[in-house]
Amino acid sequence: MKNTIQFTLLLALMSVAAMSCNKDRLQVDPVNEYLSSNYYQNEEQVSAALIGAYDPIGWTMAYGQWISSV
């Protein structure tokens, strides 16, 4: 029983040590991000950025009418 626990712990330690040696796992390229270097390539992207900037201002319903906070 004691040998089984020691073997399991040794195997787990070796697995962690083998995974920590690979530095490529720490370098992850941004997949879901738009950077200024790869955005604003066409009119559609510029329009989407402008809409995204003004979207938080938004519209709300008050007194039975849609109003803007701007």
PDB file of N, CA and C in Angstrom:
ATOM      1  N   MET A   1       0.827  -1.190   0.000  1.00  0.00           N
ATOM      2  CA  MET A   1       0.000   0.000   0.000  1.00  0.00           C
ATOM      3  C   MET A   1       0.872   1.254   0.000  1.00  0.00           C
ATOM      4  N   LYS A   2       1.912   1.237   0.831  1.00  0.00           N
ATOM      5  CA  LYS A   2       2.801   2.385   0.928  1.00  0.00           C
ATOM      6  C   LYS A   2       3.546   2.593  -0.392  1.00  0.00           C
ATOM      7  N   ASN A   3       3.948   1.494  -1.032  1.00  0.00           N
ATOM      8  CA  ASN A   3       4.645   1.594  -2.314  1.00  0.00           C
ATOM      9  C   ASN A   3       3.728   2.148  -3.409  1.00  0.00           C
ATOM     10  N   THR A   4       2.463   1.799  -3.361  1.00  0.00           N
ATOM     11  CA  THR A   4       1.511   2.295  -4.351  1.00  0.00           C
ATOM     12  C   THR A   4       1.345   3.805  -4.227  1.00  0.00           C
ATOM     13  N   ILE A   5       1.236   4.306  -3.010  1.00  0.00           N
ATOM     14  CA  ILE A   5       1.096   5.747  -2.778  1.00  0.00           C
ATOM     15  C   ILE A   5       2.358   6.478  -3.223  1.00  0.00           C
ATOM     16  N   GLN A   6       3.513   5.924  -2.886  1.00  0.00           N
ATOM     17  CA  GLN A   6       4.770   6.561  -3.282  1.00  0.00           C
ATOM     18  C   GLN A   6       4.921   6.568  -4.804  1.00  0.00           C
ATOM     19  N   PHE A   7       4.555   5.470  -5.440  1.00  0.00           N
ATOM     20  CA  PHE A   7       4.638   5.398  -6.894  1.00  0.00           C
ATOM     21  C   PHE A   7       3.691   6.410  -7.550  1.00  0.00           C
ATOM     22  N   THR A   8       2.486   6.534  -7.021  1.00  0.00           N
ATOM     23  CA  THR A   8       1.513   7.488  -7.561  1.00  0.00           C
ATOM     24  C   THR A   8       2.005   8.916  -7.395  1.00  0.00           C
ATOM     25  N   LEU A   9       2.547   9.244  -6.230  1.00  0.00           N
ATOM     26  CA  LEU A   9       3.081  10.584  -6.000  1.00  0.00           C
ATOM     27  C   LEU A   9       4.276  10.870  -6.896  1.00  0.00           C
ATOM     28  N   LEU A  10       5.148   9.888  -7.071  1.00  0.00           N
ATOM     29  CA  LEU A  10       6.303  10.058  -7.944  1.00  0.00           C
ATOM     30  C   LEU A  10       5.861  10.265  -9.394  1.00  0.00           C
ATOM     31  N   LEU A  11       4.888   9.499  -9.831  1.00  0.00           N
ATOM     32  CA  LEU A  11       4.362   9.642 -11.185  1.00  0.00           C
ATOM     33  C   LEU A  11       3.713  11.016 -11.386  1.00  0.00           C
ATOM     34  N   ALA A  12       2.973  11.486 -10.402  1.00  0.00           N
ATOM     35  CA  ALA A  12       2.349  12.810 -10.492  1.00  0.00           C
ATOM     36  C   ALA A  12       3.400  13.904 -10.521  1.00  0.00           C
ATOM     37  N   LEU A  13       4.426  13.782  -9.709  1.00  0.00           N
ATOM     38  CA  LEU A  13       5.500  14.770  -9.673  1.00  0.00           C
ATOM     39  C   LEU A  13       6.253  14.802 -10.999  1.00  0.00           C
ATOM     40  N   MET A  14       6.512  13.646 -11.570  1.00  0.00           N
ATOM     41  CA  MET A  14       7.204  13.594 -12.858  1.00  0.00           C
ATOM     42  C   MET A  14       6.337  14.191 -13.971  1.00  0.00           C
ATOM     43  N   SER A  15       5.036  13.972 -13.904  1.00  0.00           N
ATOM     44  CA  SER A  15       4.130  14.549 -14.904  1.00  0.00           C
ATOM     45  C   SER A  15       4.120  16.067 -14.826  1.00  0.00           C
ATOM     46  N   VAL A  16       4.072  16.600 -13.617  1.00  0.00           N
ATOM     47  CA  VAL A  16       4.091  18.053 -13.433  1.00  0.00           C
ATOM     48  C   VAL A  16       5.421  18.624 -13.892  1.00  0.00           C
ATOM     49  N   ALA A  17       6.510  17.951 -13.576  1.00  0.00           N
ATOM     50  CA  ALA A  17       7.832  18.431 -13.983  1.00  0.00           C
ATOM     51  C   ALA A  17       7.982  18.406 -15.500  1.00  0.00           C
ATOM     52  N   ALA A  18       7.448  17.397 -16.144  1.00  0.00           N
ATOM     53  CA  ALA A  18       7.548  17.309 -17.600  1.00  0.00           C
ATOM     54  C   ALA A  18       6.709  18.387 -18.279  1.00  0.00           C
ATOM     55  N   MET A  19       5.570  18.719 -17.719  1.00  0.00           N
ATOM     56  CA  MET A  19       4.715  19.750 -18.301  1.00  0.00           C
ATOM     57  C   MET A  19       5.277  21.145 -18.080  1.00  0.00           C
ATOM     58  N   SER A  20       5.975  21.359 -16.977  1.00  0.00           N
ATOM     59  CA  SER A  20       6.469  22.701 -16.670  1.00  0.00           C
ATOM     60  C   SER A  20       7.704  23.062 -17.484  1.00  0.00           C
ATOM     61  N   CYS A  21       8.344  22.115 -18.111  1.00  0.00           N
ATOM     62  CA  CYS A  21       9.545  22.400 -18.892  1.00  0.00           C
ATOM     63  C   CYS A  21       9.231  22.989 -20.260  1.00  0.00           C
ATOM     64  N   ASN A  22       8.032  22.871 -20.731  1.00  0.00           N
ATOM     65  CA  ASN A  22       7.659  23.350 -22.054  1.00  0.00           C
ATOM     66  C   ASN A  22       7.168  24.791 -21.959  1.00  0.00           C
ATOM     67  N   LYS A  23       7.974  25.748 -22.408  1.00  0.00           N
ATOM     68  CA  LYS A  23       7.609  27.157 -22.311  1.00  0.00           C
ATOM     69  C   LYS A  23       6.631  27.575 -23.403  1.00  0.00           C
ATOM     70  N   ASP A  24       6.470  26.773 -24.440  1.00  0.00           N
ATOM     71  CA  ASP A  24       5.520  27.113 -25.493  1.00  0.00           C
ATOM     72  C   ASP A  24       4.085  27.080 -24.997  1.00  0.00           C
ATOM     73  N   ARG A  25       3.829  26.343 -23.972  1.00  0.00           N
ATOM     74  CA  ARG A  25       2.478  26.278 -23.429  1.00  0.00           C
ATOM     75  C   ARG A  25       2.082  27.592 -22.764  1.00  0.00           C
ATOM     76  N   LEU A  26       3.058  28.385 -22.349  1.00  0.00           N
ATOM     77  CA  LEU A  26       2.769  29.652 -21.698  1.00  0.00           C
ATOM     78  C   LEU A  26       2.515  30.769 -22.699  1.00  0.00           C
ATOM     79  N   GLN A  27       3.001  30.625 -23.907  1.00  0.00           N
ATOM     80  CA  GLN A  27       2.825  31.636 -24.941  1.00  0.00           C
ATOM     81  C   GLN A  27       1.582  31.302 -25.760  1.00  0.00           C
ATOM     82  N   VAL A  28       0.498  31.988 -25.479  1.00  0.00           N
ATOM     83  CA  VAL A  28      -0.753  31.747 -26.178  1.00  0.00           C
ATOM     84  C   VAL A  28      -1.067  32.974 -27.026  1.00  0.00           C
ATOM     85  N   ASP A  29      -1.250  32.760 -28.310  1.00  0.00           N
ATOM     86  CA  ASP A  29      -1.605  33.858 -29.199  1.00  0.00           C
ATOM     87  C   ASP A  29      -3.062  34.252 -28.970  1.00  0.00           C
ATOM     88  N   PRO A  30      -3.364  35.544 -28.964  1.00  0.00           N
ATOM     89  CA  PRO A  30      -4.753  35.967 -28.779  1.00  0.00           C
ATOM     90  C   PRO A  30      -5.590  35.610 -30.002  1.00  0.00           C
ATOM     91  N   VAL A  31      -6.553  34.746 -29.802  1.00  0.00           N
ATOM     92  CA  VAL A  31      -7.377  34.283 -30.909  1.00  0.00           C
ATOM     93  C   VAL A  31      -8.649  35.124 -31.022  1.00  0.00           C
ATOM     94  N   ASN A  32      -9.245  35.462 -29.904  1.00  0.00           N
ATOM     95  CA  ASN A  32     -10.522  36.165 -29.899  1.00  0.00           C
ATOM     96  C   ASN A  32     -10.372  37.660 -29.697  1.00  0.00           C
ATOM     97  N   GLU A  33      -9.201  38.206 -29.898  1.00  0.00           N
ATOM     98  CA  GLU A  33      -8.976  39.629 -29.704  1.00  0.00           C
ATOM     99  C   GLU A  33      -8.674  40.302 -31.026  1.00  0.00           C
ATOM    100  N   TYR A  34      -9.107  41.525 -31.111  1.00  0.00           N
ATOM    101  CA  TYR A  34      -8.734  42.357 -32.247  1.00  0.00           C
ATOM    102  C   TYR A  34      -7.677  43.333 -31.773  1.00  0.00           C
ATOM    103  N   LEU A  35      -6.579  43.394 -32.465  1.00  0.00           N
ATOM    104  CA  LEU A  35      -5.505  44.314 -32.150  1.00  0.00           C
ATOM    105  C   LEU A  35      -5.525  45.442 -33.167  1.00  0.00           C
ATOM    106  N   SER A  36      -4.912  46.567 -32.817  1.00  0.00           N
ATOM    107  CA  SER A  36      -4.891  47.680 -33.759  1.00  0.00           C
ATOM    108  C   SER A  36      -4.106  47.330 -35.022  1.00  0.00           C
ATOM    109  N   SER A  37      -3.234  46.341 -34.930  1.00  0.00           N
ATOM    110  CA  SER A  37      -2.455  45.949 -36.108  1.00  0.00           C
ATOM    111  C   SER A  37      -3.253  45.091 -37.086  1.00  0.00           C
ATOM    112  N   ASN A  38      -4.291  44.396 -36.587  1.00  0.00           N
ATOM    113  CA  ASN A  38      -5.057  43.539 -37.496  1.00  0.00           C
ATOM    114  C   ASN A  38      -6.534  43.954 -37.592  1.00  0.00           C
ATOM    115  N   TYR A  39      -6.840  45.174 -37.216  1.00  0.00           N
ATOM    116  CA  TYR A  39      -8.214  45.669 -37.287  1.00  0.00           C
ATOM    117  C   TYR A  39      -8.246  46.939 -38.113  1.00  0.00           C
ATOM    118  N   TYR A  40      -9.402  47.455 -38.381  1.00  0.00           N
ATOM    119  CA  TYR A  40      -9.585  48.647 -39.217  1.00  0.00           C
ATOM    120  C   TYR A  40      -9.037  48.421 -40.625  1.00  0.00           C
ATOM    121  N   GLN A  41      -9.302  47.251 -41.166  1.00  0.00           N
ATOM    122  CA  GLN A  41      -8.834  46.927 -42.510  1.00  0.00           C
ATOM    123  C   GLN A  41      -9.845  47.331 -43.582  1.00  0.00           C
ATOM    124  N   ASN A  42     -11.131  47.463 -43.199  1.00  0.00           N
ATOM    125  CA  ASN A  42     -12.145  47.847 -44.176  1.00  0.00           C
ATOM    126  C   ASN A  42     -13.226  48.683 -43.490  1.00  0.00           C
ATOM    127  N   GLU A  43     -14.177  49.153 -44.270  1.00  0.00           N
ATOM    128  CA  GLU A  43     -15.215  50.051 -43.750  1.00  0.00           C
ATOM    129  C   GLU A  43     -16.121  49.346 -42.741  1.00  0.00           C
ATOM    130  N   GLU A  44     -16.354  48.071 -42.925  1.00  0.00           N
ATOM    131  CA  GLU A  44     -17.213  47.315 -42.012  1.00  0.00           C
ATOM    132  C   GLU A  44     -16.607  47.249 -40.609  1.00  0.00           C
ATOM    133  N   GLN A  45     -15.315  47.053 -40.511  1.00  0.00           N
ATOM    134  CA  GLN A  45     -14.654  47.000 -39.209  1.00  0.00           C
ATOM    135  C   GLN A  45     -14.648  48.370 -38.534  1.00  0.00           C
ATOM    136  N   VAL A  46     -14.477  49.431 -39.304  1.00  0.00           N
ATOM    137  CA  VAL A  46     -14.525  50.781 -38.736  1.00  0.00           C
ATOM    138  C   VAL A  46     -15.921  51.066 -38.201  1.00  0.00           C
ATOM    139  N   SER A  47     -16.934  50.681 -38.947  1.00  0.00           N
ATOM    140  CA  SER A  47     -18.316  50.874 -38.513  1.00  0.00           C
ATOM    141  C   SER A  47     -18.609  50.066 -37.251  1.00  0.00           C
ATOM    142  N   ALA A  48     -18.136  48.834 -37.186  1.00  0.00           N
ATOM    143  CA  ALA A  48     -18.349  47.998 -36.000  1.00  0.00           C
ATOM    144  C   ALA A  48     -17.665  48.598 -34.778  1.00  0.00           C
ATOM    145  N   ALA A  49     -16.485  49.172 -34.954  1.00  0.00           N
ATOM    146  CA  ALA A  49     -15.784  49.801 -33.836  1.00  0.00           C
ATOM    147  C   ALA A  49     -16.530  51.037 -33.359  1.00  0.00           C
ATOM    148  N   LEU A  50     -17.068  51.816 -34.272  1.00  0.00           N
ATOM    149  CA  LEU A  50     -17.820  53.010 -33.910  1.00  0.00           C
ATOM    150  C   LEU A  50     -19.103  52.644 -33.178  1.00  0.00           C
ATOM    151  N   ILE A  51     -19.797  51.630 -33.663  1.00  0.00           N
ATOM    152  CA  ILE A  51     -21.007  51.168 -32.990  1.00  0.00           C
ATOM    153  C   ILE A  51     -20.663  50.627 -31.606  1.00  0.00           C
ATOM    154  N   GLY A  52     -19.562  49.914 -31.491  1.00  0.00           N
ATOM    155  CA  GLY A  52     -19.140  49.396 -30.194  1.00  0.00           C
ATOM    156  C   GLY A  52     -18.780  50.491 -29.211  1.00  0.00           C
ATOM    157  N   ALA A  53     -18.279  51.606 -29.714  1.00  0.00           N
ATOM    158  CA  ALA A  53     -17.932  52.717 -28.829  1.00  0.00           C
ATOM    159  C   ALA A  53     -19.182  53.427 -28.316  1.00  0.00           C
ATOM    160  N   TYR A  54     -20.188  53.568 -29.161  1.00  0.00           N
ATOM    161  CA  TYR A  54     -21.401  54.279 -28.773  1.00  0.00           C
ATOM    162  C   TYR A  54     -22.465  53.374 -28.166  1.00  0.00           C
ATOM    163  N   ASP A  55     -22.342  52.079 -28.267  1.00  0.00           N
ATOM    164  CA  ASP A  55     -23.350  51.155 -27.767  1.00  0.00           C
ATOM    165  C   ASP A  55     -23.576  51.242 -26.259  1.00  0.00           C
ATOM    166  N   PRO A  56     -22.552  51.407 -25.425  1.00  0.00           N
ATOM    167  CA  PRO A  56     -22.820  51.495 -23.982  1.00  0.00           C
ATOM    168  C   PRO A  56     -23.687  52.684 -23.599  1.00  0.00           C
ATOM    169  N   ILE A  57     -23.722  53.721 -24.417  1.00  0.00           N
ATOM    170  CA  ILE A  57     -24.582  54.868 -24.114  1.00  0.00           C
ATOM    171  C   ILE A  57     -26.031  54.419 -24.131  1.00  0.00           C
ATOM    172  N   GLY A  58     -26.402  53.750 -25.181  1.00  0.00           N
ATOM    173  CA  GLY A  58     -27.667  53.046 -25.270  1.00  0.00           C
ATOM    174  C   GLY A  58     -28.927  53.887 -25.229  1.00  0.00           C
ATOM    175  N   TRP A  59     -30.017  53.184 -25.305  1.00  0.00           N
ATOM    176  CA  TRP A  59     -31.344  53.761 -25.257  1.00  0.00           C
ATOM    177  C   TRP A  59     -32.103  53.095 -24.125  1.00  0.00           C
ATOM    178  N   THR A  60     -32.980  53.842 -23.473  1.00  0.00           N
ATOM    179  CA  THR A  60     -33.801  53.281 -22.405  1.00  0.00           C
ATOM    180  C   THR A  60     -35.250  53.692 -22.616  1.00  0.00           C
ATOM    181  N   MET A  61     -36.138  52.921 -22.026  1.00  0.00           N
ATOM    182  CA  MET A  61     -37.561  53.220 -22.121  1.00  0.00           C
ATOM    183  C   MET A  61     -37.959  54.007 -20.882  1.00  0.00           C
ATOM    184  N   ALA A  62     -38.484  55.197 -21.099  1.00  0.00           N
ATOM    185  CA  ALA A  62     -38.940  56.017 -19.976  1.00  0.00           C
ATOM    186  C   ALA A  62     -40.189  56.778 -20.393  1.00  0.00           C
ATOM    187  N   TYR A  63     -41.173  56.756 -19.539  1.00  0.00           N
ATOM    188  CA  TYR A  63     -42.425  57.468 -19.789  1.00  0.00           C
ATOM    189  C   TYR A  63     -43.067  57.051 -21.107  1.00  0.00           C
ATOM    190  N   GLY A  64     -42.901  55.787 -21.461  1.00  0.00           N
ATOM    191  CA  GLY A  64     -43.519  55.266 -22.665  1.00  0.00           C
ATOM    192  C   GLY A  64     -42.810  55.618 -23.954  1.00  0.00           C
ATOM    193  N   GLN A  65     -41.614  56.195 -23.855  1.00  0.00           N
ATOM    194  CA  GLN A  65     -40.871  56.572 -25.052  1.00  0.00           C
ATOM    195  C   GLN A  65     -39.436  56.104 -24.917  1.00  0.00           C
ATOM    196  N   TRP A  66     -38.813  55.848 -26.068  1.00  0.00           N
ATOM    197  CA  TRP A  66     -37.398  55.492 -26.072  1.00  0.00           C
ATOM    198  C   TRP A  66     -36.586  56.774 -26.026  1.00  0.00           C
ATOM    199  N   ILE A  67     -35.682  56.861 -25.050  1.00  0.00           N
ATOM    200  CA  ILE A  67     -34.847  58.053 -24.940  1.00  0.00           C
ATOM    201  C   ILE A  67     -33.385  57.646 -24.867  1.00  0.00           C
ATOM    202  N   SER A  68     -32.529  58.544 -25.267  1.00  0.00           N
ATOM    203  CA  SER A  68     -31.090  58.323 -25.210  1.00  0.00           C
ATOM    204  C   SER A  68     -30.513  59.210 -24.130  1.00  0.00           C
ATOM    205  N   SER A  69     -29.456  58.761 -23.492  1.00  0.00           N
ATOM    206  CA  SER A  69     -28.830  59.560 -22.444  1.00  0.00           C
ATOM    207  C   SER A  69     -27.889  60.609 -23.007  1.00  0.00           C
ATOM    208  N   VAL A  70     -27.802  60.684 -24.327  1.00  0.00           N
ATOM    209  CA  VAL A  70     -26.930  61.686 -24.958  1.00  0.00           C
ATOM    210  C   VAL A  70     -27.738  62.897 -25.314  1.00  0.00           C
TER     211      VAL A  70
END
